[in-house]
N, C-alpha and C. Protein backbone atom coordinates (compact mmCIF):
# COMPACT_ATOMS: atom_id res chain seq x y z
N MET A 1 28.87 -49.65 18.82
CA MET A 1 28.01 -49.45 18.19
C MET A 1 28.07 -48.10 17.87
N ARG A 2 28.47 -46.70 16.73
CA ARG A 2 28.24 -45.81 16.81
C ARG A 2 26.52 -44.56 16.79
N SER A 3 26.66 -43.44 18.06
CA SER A 3 25.47 -42.92 18.06
C SER A 3 25.13 -41.63 17.00
N ALA A 4 24.06 -41.82 16.76
CA ALA A 4 22.88 -40.84 16.39
C ALA A 4 23.86 -39.26 15.98
N THR A 5 24.62 -38.78 16.82
CA THR A 5 25.84 -38.07 16.67
C THR A 5 27.07 -38.85 15.24
N ASP A 6 27.27 -39.54 14.94
CA ASP A 6 28.50 -39.60 14.78
C ASP A 6 28.05 -39.81 12.57
N TYR A 7 26.90 -39.62 12.73
CA TYR A 7 26.37 -39.53 11.07
C TYR A 7 27.14 -38.24 10.25
N GLY A 8 27.04 -38.53 9.32
CA GLY A 8 27.20 -37.29 8.48
C GLY A 8 25.54 -37.03 7.45
N ALA A 9 24.90 -38.22 7.38
CA ALA A 9 23.77 -37.96 6.83
C ALA A 9 22.38 -39.36 7.19
N VAL A 10 21.81 -38.95 6.76
CA VAL A 10 20.63 -40.12 7.24
C VAL A 10 19.93 -40.34 6.24
N VAL A 11 19.82 -41.58 5.22
CA VAL A 11 18.65 -42.09 4.58
C VAL A 11 17.54 -43.40 5.09
N TYR A 12 16.13 -43.02 5.11
CA TYR A 12 15.47 -43.67 5.16
C TYR A 12 14.89 -44.38 4.21
N ASP A 13 14.23 -45.98 3.85
CA ASP A 13 13.61 -46.25 2.82
C ASP A 13 12.37 -45.59 3.39
N LEU A 14 10.85 -45.70 2.13
CA LEU A 14 9.84 -44.81 2.68
C LEU A 14 9.08 -45.80 3.29
N ASP A 15 8.25 -47.28 2.42
CA ASP A 15 7.08 -47.60 3.10
C ASP A 15 7.36 -48.76 3.47
N GLY A 16 6.80 -49.09 4.70
CA GLY A 16 7.47 -49.91 6.04
C GLY A 16 8.01 -49.40 7.13
N THR A 17 8.94 -48.26 6.68
CA THR A 17 9.77 -47.51 7.90
C THR A 17 9.06 -46.22 8.40
N LEU A 18 8.71 -45.19 6.90
CA LEU A 18 8.32 -44.00 7.48
C LEU A 18 6.73 -43.93 7.01
N VAL A 19 6.58 -44.64 6.56
CA VAL A 19 4.92 -44.72 6.41
C VAL A 19 4.24 -46.11 5.63
N ARG A 20 3.39 -46.38 6.04
CA ARG A 20 2.27 -47.26 5.16
C ARG A 20 1.47 -47.31 4.10
N LEU A 21 1.79 -47.22 3.29
CA LEU A 21 1.15 -46.97 1.87
C LEU A 21 0.04 -47.71 1.80
N ALA A 22 -0.93 -47.44 1.45
CA ALA A 22 -2.53 -47.75 0.85
C ALA A 22 -2.59 -48.13 -0.04
N VAL A 23 -1.71 -49.23 -0.33
CA VAL A 23 -1.56 -49.48 -2.10
C VAL A 23 -2.65 -50.64 -2.13
N ASP A 24 -3.18 -51.13 -3.14
CA ASP A 24 -4.28 -52.11 -3.63
C ASP A 24 -3.33 -52.94 -4.48
N TRP A 25 -2.62 -53.38 -3.58
CA TRP A 25 -1.48 -54.14 -4.63
C TRP A 25 -1.83 -55.14 -5.38
N ASP A 26 -3.33 -55.69 -4.83
CA ASP A 26 -4.13 -56.71 -6.04
C ASP A 26 -4.77 -56.08 -7.24
N ALA A 27 -4.97 -54.37 -6.85
CA ALA A 27 -5.54 -54.24 -8.18
C ALA A 27 -4.45 -53.34 -8.59
N ALA A 28 -3.16 -53.46 -8.58
CA ALA A 28 -1.74 -52.85 -9.26
C ALA A 28 -1.79 -54.29 -10.01
N ALA A 29 -1.72 -55.75 -9.59
CA ALA A 29 -1.33 -56.18 -10.07
C ALA A 29 -2.23 -56.87 -11.45
N SER A 30 -3.14 -56.98 -10.98
CA SER A 30 -4.28 -57.32 -12.25
C SER A 30 -4.26 -56.06 -13.48
N ASP A 31 -4.29 -55.08 -13.12
CA ASP A 31 -3.68 -53.99 -14.25
C ASP A 31 -2.66 -54.05 -14.78
N ALA A 32 -1.29 -54.56 -14.19
CA ALA A 32 -0.46 -55.51 -15.11
C ALA A 32 -0.29 -56.13 -16.10
N THR A 33 -1.40 -57.38 -15.24
CA THR A 33 -1.82 -58.47 -15.76
C THR A 33 -2.07 -58.50 -16.90
N ALA A 34 -2.90 -57.16 -16.75
CA ALA A 34 -3.39 -56.64 -18.02
C ALA A 34 -2.78 -56.34 -19.43
N ALA A 35 -2.04 -55.17 -19.06
CA ALA A 35 -0.79 -54.92 -19.78
C ALA A 35 -0.54 -56.05 -20.47
N PHE A 36 0.63 -56.74 -19.92
CA PHE A 36 0.50 -57.70 -20.75
C PHE A 36 -0.05 -58.73 -21.05
N ALA A 37 -1.34 -58.99 -21.24
CA ALA A 37 -2.08 -59.64 -21.84
C ALA A 37 -2.01 -59.04 -23.16
N GLU A 38 -2.93 -57.49 -22.72
CA GLU A 38 -2.84 -56.52 -23.91
C GLU A 38 -1.64 -56.49 -25.06
N ALA A 39 -0.72 -56.69 -24.70
CA ALA A 39 0.70 -57.24 -25.58
C ALA A 39 1.20 -58.49 -26.13
N GLY A 40 -0.37 -59.74 -25.48
CA GLY A 40 0.01 -60.86 -25.95
C GLY A 40 1.11 -61.67 -25.41
N VAL A 41 1.21 -61.15 -23.79
CA VAL A 41 2.12 -62.01 -23.09
C VAL A 41 2.00 -62.67 -22.08
N ASP A 42 1.60 -64.05 -21.95
CA ASP A 42 1.31 -65.03 -20.77
C ASP A 42 1.64 -64.96 -19.79
N VAL A 43 1.81 -64.32 -18.71
CA VAL A 43 1.80 -64.03 -17.25
C VAL A 43 1.36 -64.83 -16.00
N THR A 44 0.66 -66.53 -16.56
CA THR A 44 0.02 -66.95 -15.62
C THR A 44 0.74 -67.11 -14.66
N ASP A 45 0.31 -66.80 -13.24
CA ASP A 45 0.96 -66.92 -12.58
C ASP A 45 2.38 -66.21 -11.72
N ALA A 46 2.58 -65.32 -12.50
CA ALA A 46 3.70 -64.38 -12.40
C ALA A 46 3.08 -63.28 -10.90
N ASP A 47 4.02 -63.20 -10.15
CA ASP A 47 4.04 -62.39 -9.03
C ASP A 47 3.89 -60.76 -9.74
N LEU A 48 3.57 -59.27 -9.13
CA LEU A 48 3.96 -57.67 -9.62
C LEU A 48 5.36 -58.04 -9.82
N TRP A 49 6.11 -58.57 -8.51
CA TRP A 49 8.29 -58.08 -8.65
C TRP A 49 8.33 -58.55 -10.15
N SER A 50 7.92 -60.07 -10.86
CA SER A 50 8.01 -60.66 -11.34
C SER A 50 8.27 -59.91 -12.74
N LEU A 51 6.70 -59.90 -13.10
CA LEU A 51 6.36 -58.81 -13.99
C LEU A 51 7.27 -57.22 -14.25
N PHE A 52 7.59 -56.71 -13.00
CA PHE A 52 8.07 -55.24 -13.37
C PHE A 52 9.24 -55.91 -13.58
N GLU A 53 10.24 -57.01 -13.27
CA GLU A 53 11.50 -57.70 -13.88
C GLU A 53 11.09 -57.94 -15.40
N THR A 54 10.51 -58.55 -15.33
CA THR A 54 10.46 -58.97 -17.03
C THR A 54 9.86 -57.71 -17.67
N ALA A 55 9.27 -56.86 -17.41
CA ALA A 55 8.21 -56.08 -18.28
C ALA A 55 9.38 -55.62 -19.17
N PRO A 56 10.88 -54.86 -19.09
CA PRO A 56 11.79 -54.80 -20.04
C PRO A 56 12.24 -55.35 -21.70
N GLU A 57 12.07 -57.05 -21.37
CA GLU A 57 12.45 -57.46 -22.70
C GLU A 57 10.81 -57.83 -22.93
N HIS A 58 9.84 -57.06 -22.72
CA HIS A 58 8.51 -57.35 -23.59
C HIS A 58 8.03 -56.06 -23.91
N GLY A 59 9.26 -55.06 -24.09
CA GLY A 59 9.05 -53.45 -24.32
C GLY A 59 7.34 -52.92 -23.67
N LEU A 60 7.91 -53.42 -22.14
CA LEU A 60 6.91 -53.11 -21.20
C LEU A 60 6.78 -52.28 -19.88
N ALA A 61 8.12 -51.94 -19.71
CA ALA A 61 8.63 -51.11 -18.91
C ALA A 61 8.03 -50.09 -18.42
N ALA A 62 8.42 -49.10 -19.68
CA ALA A 62 7.67 -47.46 -19.29
C ALA A 62 5.74 -47.63 -18.86
N GLU A 63 5.37 -48.56 -19.38
CA GLU A 63 3.68 -49.08 -18.89
C GLU A 63 3.61 -49.16 -17.95
N LEU A 64 4.30 -50.74 -17.81
CA LEU A 64 4.58 -51.36 -16.05
C LEU A 64 4.55 -49.92 -15.01
N GLU A 65 5.69 -48.73 -15.61
CA GLU A 65 6.18 -48.18 -14.34
C GLU A 65 5.04 -47.27 -13.95
N SER A 66 4.49 -46.42 -14.82
CA SER A 66 3.45 -45.95 -15.01
C SER A 66 2.06 -46.06 -14.06
N ILE A 67 2.12 -47.50 -14.96
CA ILE A 67 0.79 -48.17 -13.70
C ILE A 67 0.71 -48.02 -12.43
N LEU A 68 2.33 -49.28 -11.96
CA LEU A 68 2.80 -48.94 -10.74
C LEU A 68 2.34 -47.49 -10.07
N ALA A 69 3.44 -46.76 -10.66
CA ALA A 69 3.35 -45.27 -9.79
C ALA A 69 1.95 -44.62 -9.86
N ALA A 70 1.21 -44.83 -10.53
CA ALA A 70 -0.31 -44.03 -10.29
C ALA A 70 -0.73 -45.20 -8.98
N HIS A 71 -1.01 -45.69 -9.41
CA HIS A 71 -1.43 -47.24 -7.73
C HIS A 71 -0.55 -46.88 -6.46
N GLU A 72 0.71 -46.45 -6.39
CA GLU A 72 1.41 -45.80 -5.46
C GLU A 72 1.18 -44.40 -5.06
N ARG A 73 0.76 -43.60 -6.22
CA ARG A 73 0.81 -42.49 -6.00
C ARG A 73 -0.36 -41.71 -4.99
N ARG A 74 -1.84 -42.77 -5.53
CA ARG A 74 -3.23 -43.21 -4.35
C ARG A 74 -2.52 -43.80 -3.53
N GLY A 75 -1.92 -44.44 -3.21
CA GLY A 75 -1.87 -45.21 -1.52
C GLY A 75 -1.23 -44.34 -0.96
N ALA A 76 -0.48 -42.86 -1.43
CA ALA A 76 0.62 -42.73 -0.92
C ALA A 76 -0.26 -41.63 0.25
N GLU A 77 -1.69 -41.16 -0.99
CA GLU A 77 -2.30 -39.88 -0.37
C GLU A 77 -3.23 -40.39 1.13
N ASP A 78 -3.05 -41.97 0.86
CA ASP A 78 -3.71 -42.44 2.34
C ASP A 78 -2.91 -43.14 3.51
N ALA A 79 -1.60 -42.77 3.52
CA ALA A 79 -0.29 -43.79 4.23
C ALA A 79 -0.49 -43.27 5.50
N ILE A 80 -0.12 -44.42 5.94
CA ILE A 80 0.15 -43.96 7.66
C ILE A 80 1.07 -43.74 8.04
N ARG A 81 1.33 -43.20 8.86
CA ARG A 81 2.26 -42.77 9.55
C ARG A 81 3.07 -43.68 10.43
N LEU A 82 4.28 -44.14 10.66
CA LEU A 82 4.84 -45.02 10.88
C LEU A 82 5.62 -43.85 12.70
N PRO A 83 6.21 -45.22 13.24
CA PRO A 83 6.72 -43.76 14.44
C PRO A 83 8.24 -43.91 14.14
N HIS A 84 9.18 -44.39 12.86
CA HIS A 84 10.09 -43.59 12.72
C HIS A 84 10.20 -42.46 12.06
N ALA A 85 8.81 -41.63 11.70
CA ALA A 85 8.94 -40.81 11.02
C ALA A 85 8.85 -39.72 11.74
N ASP A 86 8.91 -39.87 13.04
CA ASP A 86 8.89 -38.87 14.38
C ASP A 86 10.22 -38.56 14.86
N ARG A 87 11.56 -38.90 13.87
CA ARG A 87 12.67 -39.12 14.25
C ARG A 87 13.22 -38.15 13.08
N VAL A 88 12.45 -38.21 11.96
CA VAL A 88 12.69 -37.36 10.65
C VAL A 88 13.33 -35.96 11.41
N PRO A 89 12.54 -35.25 12.00
CA PRO A 89 12.77 -33.62 11.78
C PRO A 89 13.36 -33.75 13.10
N GLU A 90 14.54 -34.67 13.93
CA GLU A 90 15.28 -34.63 15.01
C GLU A 90 16.74 -34.22 14.11
N TRP A 91 16.65 -34.81 13.05
CA TRP A 91 18.20 -35.21 12.39
C TRP A 91 18.68 -33.67 12.30
N THR A 92 20.13 -33.70 12.95
CA THR A 92 20.73 -32.05 12.62
C THR A 92 21.71 -32.07 11.45
N VAL A 93 21.73 -33.32 10.71
CA VAL A 93 22.22 -33.69 9.55
C VAL A 93 21.37 -34.10 8.34
N PRO A 94 21.75 -33.41 7.37
CA PRO A 94 20.80 -33.74 6.05
C PRO A 94 20.06 -35.28 5.77
N VAL A 95 18.85 -34.79 5.78
CA VAL A 95 18.11 -36.50 5.79
C VAL A 95 17.33 -36.83 3.91
N GLY A 96 17.63 -38.21 3.68
CA GLY A 96 17.20 -38.54 2.24
C GLY A 96 15.75 -39.73 2.47
N VAL A 97 15.78 -39.64 1.10
CA VAL A 97 14.84 -41.21 1.08
C VAL A 97 15.16 -41.88 0.09
N CYS A 98 15.14 -43.16 0.13
CA CYS A 98 15.57 -44.29 -0.61
C CYS A 98 14.14 -45.14 -1.19
N SER A 99 13.87 -45.28 -1.98
CA SER A 99 12.37 -45.81 -1.78
C SER A 99 12.55 -47.06 -3.32
N LEU A 100 12.00 -48.01 -3.28
CA LEU A 100 11.18 -48.69 -4.11
C LEU A 100 10.14 -48.57 -4.91
N ASN A 101 9.72 -47.80 -4.12
CA ASN A 101 8.56 -46.51 -4.78
C ASN A 101 8.65 -45.72 -5.45
N SER A 102 7.96 -45.12 -6.24
CA SER A 102 7.86 -44.47 -7.38
C SER A 102 8.73 -43.01 -6.41
N GLU A 103 8.93 -41.74 -7.02
CA GLU A 103 9.52 -40.84 -6.45
C GLU A 103 8.24 -40.11 -6.38
N ALA A 104 7.47 -39.96 -7.13
CA ALA A 104 6.31 -38.99 -6.94
C ALA A 104 5.52 -39.87 -5.68
N ALA A 105 5.11 -40.95 -6.08
CA ALA A 105 4.84 -41.39 -4.64
C ALA A 105 5.19 -41.45 -2.79
N CYS A 106 6.70 -41.10 -2.93
CA CYS A 106 7.47 -40.99 -1.88
C CYS A 106 7.08 -38.96 -1.57
N ARG A 107 6.81 -38.47 -2.78
CA ARG A 107 6.69 -37.17 -2.34
C ARG A 107 5.22 -36.92 -1.35
N VAL A 108 4.39 -37.35 -2.53
CA VAL A 108 2.88 -37.69 -1.71
C VAL A 108 2.80 -37.77 -0.58
N ALA A 109 3.80 -39.19 -0.12
CA ALA A 109 3.43 -39.30 1.47
C ALA A 109 4.70 -38.20 2.42
N LEU A 110 5.41 -38.12 1.68
CA LEU A 110 6.14 -36.71 2.96
C LEU A 110 5.52 -35.52 2.71
N ASP A 111 4.43 -35.12 2.10
CA ASP A 111 3.95 -34.12 1.73
C ASP A 111 2.70 -34.17 3.16
N ARG A 112 1.77 -35.38 2.79
CA ARG A 112 0.73 -36.02 3.70
C ARG A 112 1.15 -35.74 5.27
N HIS A 113 2.88 -36.13 5.33
CA HIS A 113 2.79 -36.35 6.93
C HIS A 113 3.49 -35.42 7.53
N GLY A 114 3.93 -34.03 6.63
CA GLY A 114 5.10 -33.16 6.53
C GLY A 114 6.20 -33.23 6.90
N LEU A 115 6.56 -34.18 6.28
CA LEU A 115 7.95 -34.42 6.48
C LEU A 115 8.68 -33.86 5.37
N SER A 116 8.23 -33.46 4.34
CA SER A 116 9.34 -32.84 3.17
C SER A 116 10.15 -31.55 3.26
N THR A 117 9.27 -31.25 4.32
CA THR A 117 10.57 -29.72 4.67
C THR A 117 12.14 -30.62 5.66
N HIS A 118 11.59 -31.37 6.00
CA HIS A 118 12.95 -32.55 6.41
C HIS A 118 13.75 -33.04 5.85
N VAL A 119 13.19 -33.64 4.58
CA VAL A 119 14.34 -34.58 3.49
C VAL A 119 14.50 -33.69 2.61
N ASP A 120 16.16 -33.93 2.21
CA ASP A 120 16.65 -33.03 1.06
C ASP A 120 17.01 -33.59 -0.01
N ALA A 121 17.13 -34.98 0.00
CA ALA A 121 16.73 -35.65 -1.36
C ALA A 121 15.96 -37.02 -1.27
N VAL A 122 15.35 -37.08 -2.64
CA VAL A 122 14.86 -38.17 -2.52
C VAL A 122 14.86 -39.15 -3.82
N VAL A 123 14.78 -39.53 -3.41
CA VAL A 123 15.56 -41.25 -4.66
C VAL A 123 14.17 -42.12 -4.46
N GLY A 124 13.27 -42.53 -6.17
CA GLY A 124 12.43 -43.51 -5.80
C GLY A 124 13.53 -44.54 -7.33
N ARG A 125 12.16 -45.57 -7.22
CA ARG A 125 12.58 -46.55 -8.27
C ARG A 125 13.10 -46.17 -9.62
N ASP A 126 12.18 -44.89 -9.97
CA ASP A 126 11.82 -44.36 -11.47
C ASP A 126 13.31 -42.99 -11.94
N THR A 127 14.06 -42.82 -10.64
CA THR A 127 14.70 -41.97 -10.65
C THR A 127 16.17 -42.17 -11.33
N VAL A 128 16.88 -43.87 -10.57
CA VAL A 128 17.75 -43.88 -11.33
C VAL A 128 17.77 -45.45 -11.96
N ALA A 129 18.39 -45.51 -12.58
CA ALA A 129 18.32 -47.02 -13.88
C ALA A 129 18.27 -48.03 -13.01
N THR A 130 18.81 -48.21 -11.73
CA THR A 130 18.53 -49.66 -11.15
C THR A 130 17.71 -49.75 -9.23
N HIS A 131 17.87 -50.33 -8.91
CA HIS A 131 17.05 -50.17 -7.84
C HIS A 131 17.19 -51.27 -6.87
N LYS A 132 17.17 -50.86 -5.36
CA LYS A 132 17.57 -51.82 -4.43
C LYS A 132 17.36 -53.51 -4.54
N PRO A 133 18.22 -53.86 -4.45
CA PRO A 133 19.23 -54.08 -4.03
C PRO A 133 20.78 -53.36 -4.31
N ASP A 134 20.16 -53.29 -5.64
CA ASP A 134 21.67 -52.17 -6.28
C ASP A 134 22.34 -51.51 -5.25
N PRO A 135 23.11 -50.80 -5.41
CA PRO A 135 23.30 -49.92 -4.43
C PRO A 135 23.43 -48.42 -5.36
N GLU A 136 23.35 -48.01 -6.22
CA GLU A 136 23.68 -47.01 -6.99
C GLU A 136 22.35 -45.89 -5.99
N PRO A 137 20.84 -46.50 -5.87
CA PRO A 137 19.60 -45.55 -5.58
C PRO A 137 20.27 -44.88 -4.26
N LEU A 138 20.96 -45.86 -3.49
CA LEU A 138 21.10 -45.08 -2.28
C LEU A 138 22.60 -44.88 -2.22
N LEU A 139 23.54 -44.82 -3.11
CA LEU A 139 24.75 -43.63 -3.39
C LEU A 139 24.00 -42.35 -4.10
N THR A 140 23.56 -42.53 -4.91
CA THR A 140 22.76 -41.30 -5.45
C THR A 140 22.03 -40.29 -4.13
N THR A 141 21.21 -40.89 -3.49
CA THR A 141 20.96 -40.42 -2.69
C THR A 141 21.53 -39.86 -1.56
N ILE A 142 22.41 -40.34 -1.05
CA ILE A 142 23.32 -40.00 -0.63
C ILE A 142 24.32 -38.85 -1.07
N ASP A 143 24.80 -39.18 -2.25
CA ASP A 143 25.83 -37.93 -2.64
C ASP A 143 24.42 -36.59 -3.31
N ARG A 144 23.56 -37.11 -3.15
CA ARG A 144 22.62 -35.43 -3.33
C ARG A 144 22.32 -34.81 -1.85
N LEU A 145 22.84 -35.35 -0.86
CA LEU A 145 23.11 -35.20 0.14
C LEU A 145 24.10 -34.14 0.90
N GLY A 146 25.34 -34.55 -0.07
CA GLY A 146 26.47 -34.09 -0.04
C GLY A 146 27.19 -35.06 0.72
N ALA A 147 26.68 -35.93 0.78
CA ALA A 147 27.96 -36.70 2.41
C ALA A 147 28.58 -38.37 1.77
N ASP A 148 29.47 -38.46 3.18
CA ASP A 148 30.48 -39.48 2.15
C ASP A 148 29.58 -40.67 2.38
N PRO A 149 29.32 -41.51 2.22
CA PRO A 149 28.54 -43.10 2.20
C PRO A 149 29.01 -43.74 3.53
N ALA A 150 31.01 -43.59 3.73
CA ALA A 150 30.77 -43.87 5.35
C ALA A 150 30.69 -43.94 6.17
N SER A 151 29.80 -42.31 6.15
CA SER A 151 28.91 -41.38 6.98
C SER A 151 28.17 -41.47 7.10
N ALA A 152 27.75 -42.24 6.45
CA ALA A 152 26.30 -42.48 6.47
C ALA A 152 25.25 -43.57 6.92
N LEU A 153 23.92 -43.31 7.36
CA LEU A 153 23.07 -44.34 7.80
C LEU A 153 21.93 -44.87 7.02
N PHE A 154 21.84 -45.74 6.64
CA PHE A 154 20.66 -46.33 6.36
C PHE A 154 19.25 -47.02 6.76
N VAL A 155 18.38 -46.66 6.63
CA VAL A 155 17.63 -47.08 8.08
C VAL A 155 15.78 -47.82 6.50
N GLY A 156 15.94 -48.85 7.71
CA GLY A 156 15.08 -49.60 6.90
C GLY A 156 14.75 -50.85 7.38
N ASP A 157 13.66 -51.60 6.54
CA ASP A 157 12.65 -52.52 7.17
C ASP A 157 13.18 -53.95 6.44
N SER A 158 13.77 -54.13 5.41
CA SER A 158 13.88 -55.58 4.18
C SER A 158 14.91 -55.84 4.15
N GLU A 159 15.27 -56.92 3.82
CA GLU A 159 16.55 -57.29 3.20
C GLU A 159 16.81 -56.81 2.21
N ARG A 160 16.41 -56.10 1.32
CA ARG A 160 16.92 -54.91 0.25
C ARG A 160 17.68 -54.15 0.56
N ASP A 161 17.07 -53.39 1.54
CA ASP A 161 17.35 -52.55 2.11
C ASP A 161 19.07 -52.82 2.71
N ALA A 162 18.93 -54.13 3.37
CA ALA A 162 20.62 -54.29 4.56
C ALA A 162 21.31 -54.73 3.54
N VAL A 163 21.18 -54.85 1.82
CA VAL A 163 22.13 -55.59 1.19
C VAL A 163 22.93 -54.12 0.38
N ALA A 164 21.79 -53.80 0.25
CA ALA A 164 22.18 -52.41 -0.27
C ALA A 164 22.79 -51.72 0.27
N ALA A 165 22.62 -51.65 1.75
CA ALA A 165 23.29 -50.57 2.59
C ALA A 165 24.87 -50.97 2.59
N GLU A 166 24.59 -52.45 2.58
CA GLU A 166 26.05 -53.47 2.35
C GLU A 166 26.95 -53.52 1.33
N ARG A 167 26.44 -52.99 0.43
CA ARG A 167 27.02 -53.30 -1.19
C ARG A 167 27.67 -51.61 -0.91
N ALA A 168 26.97 -50.74 -0.53
CA ALA A 168 27.21 -49.49 -0.60
C ALA A 168 28.34 -48.62 0.21
N GLY A 169 28.62 -49.52 1.34
CA GLY A 169 29.50 -49.49 2.27
C GLY A 169 29.00 -48.45 3.47
N VAL A 170 27.40 -48.86 3.99
CA VAL A 170 27.13 -47.63 4.37
C VAL A 170 25.84 -47.97 5.48
N ALA A 171 26.40 -47.79 6.29
CA ALA A 171 25.87 -48.44 7.90
C ALA A 171 24.24 -48.56 7.96
N PHE A 172 23.68 -49.79 8.70
CA PHE A 172 22.44 -49.56 8.14
C PHE A 172 21.29 -50.38 9.75
N GLU A 173 20.62 -50.12 10.17
CA GLU A 173 19.60 -49.99 11.06
C GLU A 173 18.28 -50.43 10.64
N TRP A 174 17.60 -51.77 11.06
CA TRP A 174 16.69 -52.52 10.78
C TRP A 174 15.38 -51.27 11.63
N VAL A 175 14.22 -51.23 11.28
CA VAL A 175 13.22 -50.50 11.89
C VAL A 175 12.98 -51.85 13.01
N GLU A 176 12.16 -51.76 13.86
CA GLU A 176 11.47 -52.69 14.49
C GLU A 176 10.07 -52.67 14.07
């Protein structure tokens, strides 16, 4: 097991790791479903993630991203700080955030909890063309930190985080 001083950079997931966003996901799903309905697309029984995944094939990717990002920004304004956030200022290496949430929501939550000055790079769902578990967002974050993936640590709370780290060749730490 490597010690904290062995890493050249640390990247955190946001929601569920550093903070808990206060997003009304039911309202977000309702707004997303309404956008599909207005476009004449039947999405009966579809969950929010499947809507997100199918939005591009219906020409609704930008609209759905806008809907989700607005809900996430509102949720970030009331985000609850989680214990791992206390570790962020303690690192002596560059720190980044790589999240499935929009970049703007990440920045709002980081600002709200005084973490922005300790975070050197933020990559959200809308920052790059792919999203976790694809390794591109994590590798982009590490690149922006000026670090080597082999020397980085990714801290997260989901299987998507763990898979992204594995695919990127980055050490991974589960949030308890």
